[in-house]
């Protein structure tokens, strides 16, 4: 099984790339990213250092998955 990668947007407007395991558990991320300069999700170097922050933001419903193609 492969890990999933997707863009998420915080309620403050900042965008993060998030990597999750096949069961949806966050394993790493990168950001904040510039909304007008997003790259392919496979080009980012996902780090576990912001994992706790990402999990907390999701639990508080401050972070939501987005499709950047629909935001333009």
N, C-alpha and C. Protein backbone atom coordinates (compact mmCIF):
# COMPACT_ATOMS: atom_id res chain seq x y z
N UNK A 1 0.83 -1.18 0.00
CA UNK A 1 0.00 0.00 0.00
C UNK A 1 0.88 1.25 0.00
N UNK A 2 0.40 2.26 -0.69
CA UNK A 2 1.15 3.53 -0.78
C UNK A 2 0.60 4.55 0.18
N UNK A 3 1.46 5.46 0.57
CA UNK A 3 1.03 6.58 1.39
C UNK A 3 0.30 7.59 0.52
N UNK A 4 -0.67 8.28 1.12
CA UNK A 4 -1.40 9.31 0.40
C UNK A 4 -0.80 10.68 0.67
N UNK A 5 -0.84 11.52 -0.32
CA UNK A 5 -0.33 12.88 -0.19
C UNK A 5 -1.41 13.83 -0.71
N UNK A 6 -1.65 14.91 0.03
CA UNK A 6 -2.67 15.86 -0.38
C UNK A 6 -2.38 17.23 0.20
N UNK A 7 -3.03 18.22 -0.37
CA UNK A 7 -2.92 19.58 0.14
C UNK A 7 -4.02 19.83 1.14
N UNK A 8 -3.68 20.56 2.20
CA UNK A 8 -4.63 20.94 3.24
C UNK A 8 -4.49 22.44 3.46
N UNK A 9 -5.61 23.09 3.77
CA UNK A 9 -5.58 24.52 4.04
C UNK A 9 -6.06 24.80 5.46
N UNK A 10 -5.26 25.61 6.16
CA UNK A 10 -5.61 26.03 7.52
C UNK A 10 -6.65 27.14 7.43
N UNK A 11 -7.40 27.33 8.48
CA UNK A 11 -8.41 28.39 8.49
C UNK A 11 -7.80 29.77 8.31
N UNK A 12 -6.51 29.92 8.56
CA UNK A 12 -5.83 31.20 8.36
C UNK A 12 -5.41 31.40 6.90
N UNK A 13 -5.70 30.42 6.02
CA UNK A 13 -5.41 30.51 4.60
C UNK A 13 -4.12 29.85 4.17
N UNK A 14 -3.28 29.47 5.09
CA UNK A 14 -2.00 28.85 4.73
C UNK A 14 -2.22 27.40 4.26
N UNK A 15 -1.41 26.99 3.31
CA UNK A 15 -1.54 25.66 2.70
C UNK A 15 -0.36 24.79 3.09
N UNK A 16 -0.67 23.51 3.36
CA UNK A 16 0.33 22.53 3.74
C UNK A 16 0.17 21.30 2.85
N UNK A 17 1.29 20.63 2.56
CA UNK A 17 1.26 19.33 1.91
C UNK A 17 1.40 18.30 3.02
N UNK A 18 0.50 17.32 3.04
CA UNK A 18 0.44 16.35 4.12
C UNK A 18 0.54 14.93 3.55
N UNK A 19 1.35 14.11 4.21
CA UNK A 19 1.48 12.70 3.84
C UNK A 19 0.84 11.85 4.93
N UNK A 20 -0.01 10.92 4.50
CA UNK A 20 -0.70 10.03 5.42
C UNK A 20 -0.45 8.58 5.04
N UNK A 21 -0.53 7.70 6.04
CA UNK A 21 -0.40 6.28 5.74
C UNK A 21 -1.70 5.79 5.09
N UNK A 22 -1.75 4.53 4.63
CA UNK A 22 -2.95 4.02 3.97
C UNK A 22 -4.22 4.05 4.84
N UNK A 23 -4.06 4.22 6.13
CA UNK A 23 -5.21 4.26 7.04
C UNK A 23 -5.61 5.68 7.40
N UNK A 24 -4.95 6.68 6.82
CA UNK A 24 -5.29 8.08 7.04
C UNK A 24 -4.55 8.75 8.18
N UNK A 25 -3.62 8.05 8.82
CA UNK A 25 -2.85 8.63 9.92
C UNK A 25 -1.74 9.51 9.34
N UNK A 26 -1.64 10.74 9.82
CA UNK A 26 -0.63 11.67 9.33
C UNK A 26 0.76 11.19 9.75
N UNK A 27 1.68 11.16 8.78
CA UNK A 27 3.05 10.75 9.09
C UNK A 27 4.07 11.86 8.83
N UNK A 28 3.65 12.92 8.15
CA UNK A 28 4.55 14.03 7.92
C UNK A 28 3.90 15.12 7.10
N UNK A 29 4.60 16.24 7.00
CA UNK A 29 4.06 17.35 6.24
C UNK A 29 5.12 18.38 5.93
N UNK A 30 4.72 19.37 5.17
CA UNK A 30 5.60 20.48 4.82
C UNK A 30 4.74 21.73 4.62
N UNK A 31 5.27 22.85 5.04
CA UNK A 31 4.53 24.10 4.84
C UNK A 31 4.80 25.07 5.96
N UNK A 32 4.20 26.24 5.86
CA UNK A 32 3.20 26.64 4.87
C UNK A 32 3.83 26.88 3.50
N UNK A 33 2.99 26.68 2.48
CA UNK A 33 3.40 26.80 1.08
C UNK A 33 2.73 28.01 0.45
N UNK A 34 3.35 28.54 -0.57
CA UNK A 34 2.77 29.67 -1.31
C UNK A 34 1.65 29.14 -2.21
N UNK A 35 0.43 29.64 -2.07
CA UNK A 35 -0.70 29.12 -2.85
C UNK A 35 -0.52 29.26 -4.36
N UNK A 36 0.23 30.25 -4.79
CA UNK A 36 0.41 30.44 -6.24
C UNK A 36 1.67 29.76 -6.77
N UNK A 37 2.31 28.92 -5.92
CA UNK A 37 3.53 28.23 -6.34
C UNK A 37 3.54 26.80 -5.80
N UNK A 38 2.43 26.09 -5.94
CA UNK A 38 2.35 24.71 -5.48
C UNK A 38 2.94 23.78 -6.53
N UNK A 39 3.64 22.75 -6.06
CA UNK A 39 4.27 21.78 -6.95
C UNK A 39 3.53 20.45 -6.86
N UNK A 40 3.97 19.51 -7.65
CA UNK A 40 3.44 18.15 -7.56
C UNK A 40 3.70 17.61 -6.16
N UNK A 41 2.75 16.92 -5.61
CA UNK A 41 2.86 16.43 -4.23
C UNK A 41 4.06 15.52 -4.01
N UNK A 42 4.54 14.85 -5.03
CA UNK A 42 5.70 13.96 -4.88
C UNK A 42 7.02 14.73 -4.81
N UNK A 43 7.01 16.02 -5.08
CA UNK A 43 8.24 16.82 -5.08
C UNK A 43 8.60 17.38 -3.71
N UNK A 44 7.73 17.24 -2.74
CA UNK A 44 8.00 17.80 -1.42
C UNK A 44 8.73 16.81 -0.52
N UNK A 45 9.50 17.35 0.41
CA UNK A 45 10.23 16.55 1.39
C UNK A 45 9.45 16.59 2.71
N UNK A 46 8.60 15.60 2.91
CA UNK A 46 7.71 15.54 4.08
C UNK A 46 8.50 15.25 5.35
N UNK A 47 8.24 16.03 6.38
CA UNK A 47 8.97 15.90 7.66
C UNK A 47 8.00 15.56 8.79
N UNK A 48 8.41 14.69 9.70
CA UNK A 48 7.57 14.38 10.84
C UNK A 48 7.55 15.48 11.89
N UNK A 49 8.40 16.49 11.75
CA UNK A 49 8.50 17.53 12.78
C UNK A 49 7.22 18.34 12.97
N UNK A 50 6.36 18.45 11.95
CA UNK A 50 5.11 19.21 12.12
C UNK A 50 3.90 18.28 12.26
N UNK A 51 4.16 16.99 12.38
CA UNK A 51 3.08 16.00 12.49
C UNK A 51 2.13 16.33 13.65
N UNK A 52 2.67 16.59 14.82
CA UNK A 52 1.83 16.88 15.99
C UNK A 52 0.95 18.10 15.77
N UNK A 53 1.54 19.15 15.19
CA UNK A 53 0.78 20.37 14.92
C UNK A 53 -0.34 20.09 13.93
N UNK A 54 -0.03 19.34 12.86
CA UNK A 54 -1.04 19.00 11.85
C UNK A 54 -2.19 18.20 12.48
N UNK A 55 -1.85 17.20 13.28
CA UNK A 55 -2.87 16.38 13.93
C UNK A 55 -3.77 17.22 14.84
N UNK A 56 -3.17 18.13 15.57
CA UNK A 56 -3.94 19.01 16.47
C UNK A 56 -4.87 19.92 15.67
N UNK A 57 -4.36 20.49 14.57
CA UNK A 57 -5.17 21.37 13.74
C UNK A 57 -6.34 20.61 13.12
N UNK A 58 -6.13 19.38 12.70
CA UNK A 58 -7.21 18.56 12.15
C UNK A 58 -8.24 18.26 13.24
N UNK A 59 -7.78 17.89 14.42
CA UNK A 59 -8.68 17.57 15.54
C UNK A 59 -9.53 18.79 15.92
N UNK A 60 -8.98 19.98 15.79
CA UNK A 60 -9.70 21.21 16.12
C UNK A 60 -10.51 21.74 14.93
N UNK A 61 -10.52 20.99 13.85
CA UNK A 61 -11.23 21.36 12.61
C UNK A 61 -10.77 22.71 12.05
N UNK A 62 -9.47 22.95 12.18
CA UNK A 62 -8.88 24.17 11.64
C UNK A 62 -8.16 23.91 10.32
N UNK A 63 -8.07 22.66 9.92
CA UNK A 63 -7.34 22.27 8.72
C UNK A 63 -8.25 21.37 7.90
N UNK A 64 -8.36 21.68 6.60
CA UNK A 64 -9.23 20.87 5.74
C UNK A 64 -8.51 20.54 4.43
N UNK A 65 -8.83 19.37 3.92
CA UNK A 65 -8.23 18.92 2.66
C UNK A 65 -8.80 19.77 1.52
N UNK A 66 -7.94 20.14 0.58
CA UNK A 66 -8.38 20.95 -0.55
C UNK A 66 -7.87 20.36 -1.86
N UNK A 67 -8.50 20.77 -2.94
CA UNK A 67 -8.03 20.49 -4.29
C UNK A 67 -7.63 21.83 -4.87
N UNK A 68 -6.33 22.12 -4.94
CA UNK A 68 -5.89 23.46 -5.38
C UNK A 68 -6.37 23.81 -6.78
N UNK A 69 -6.61 22.84 -7.62
CA UNK A 69 -7.09 23.13 -8.97
C UNK A 69 -8.46 23.80 -8.94
N UNK A 70 -9.24 23.50 -7.92
CA UNK A 70 -10.57 24.09 -7.80
C UNK A 70 -10.54 25.47 -7.14
N UNK A 71 -9.41 25.84 -6.55
CA UNK A 71 -9.30 27.11 -5.84
C UNK A 71 -8.86 28.25 -6.76
N UNK A 72 -8.44 27.93 -7.97
CA UNK A 72 -7.90 28.97 -8.86
C UNK A 72 -8.98 29.60 -9.68
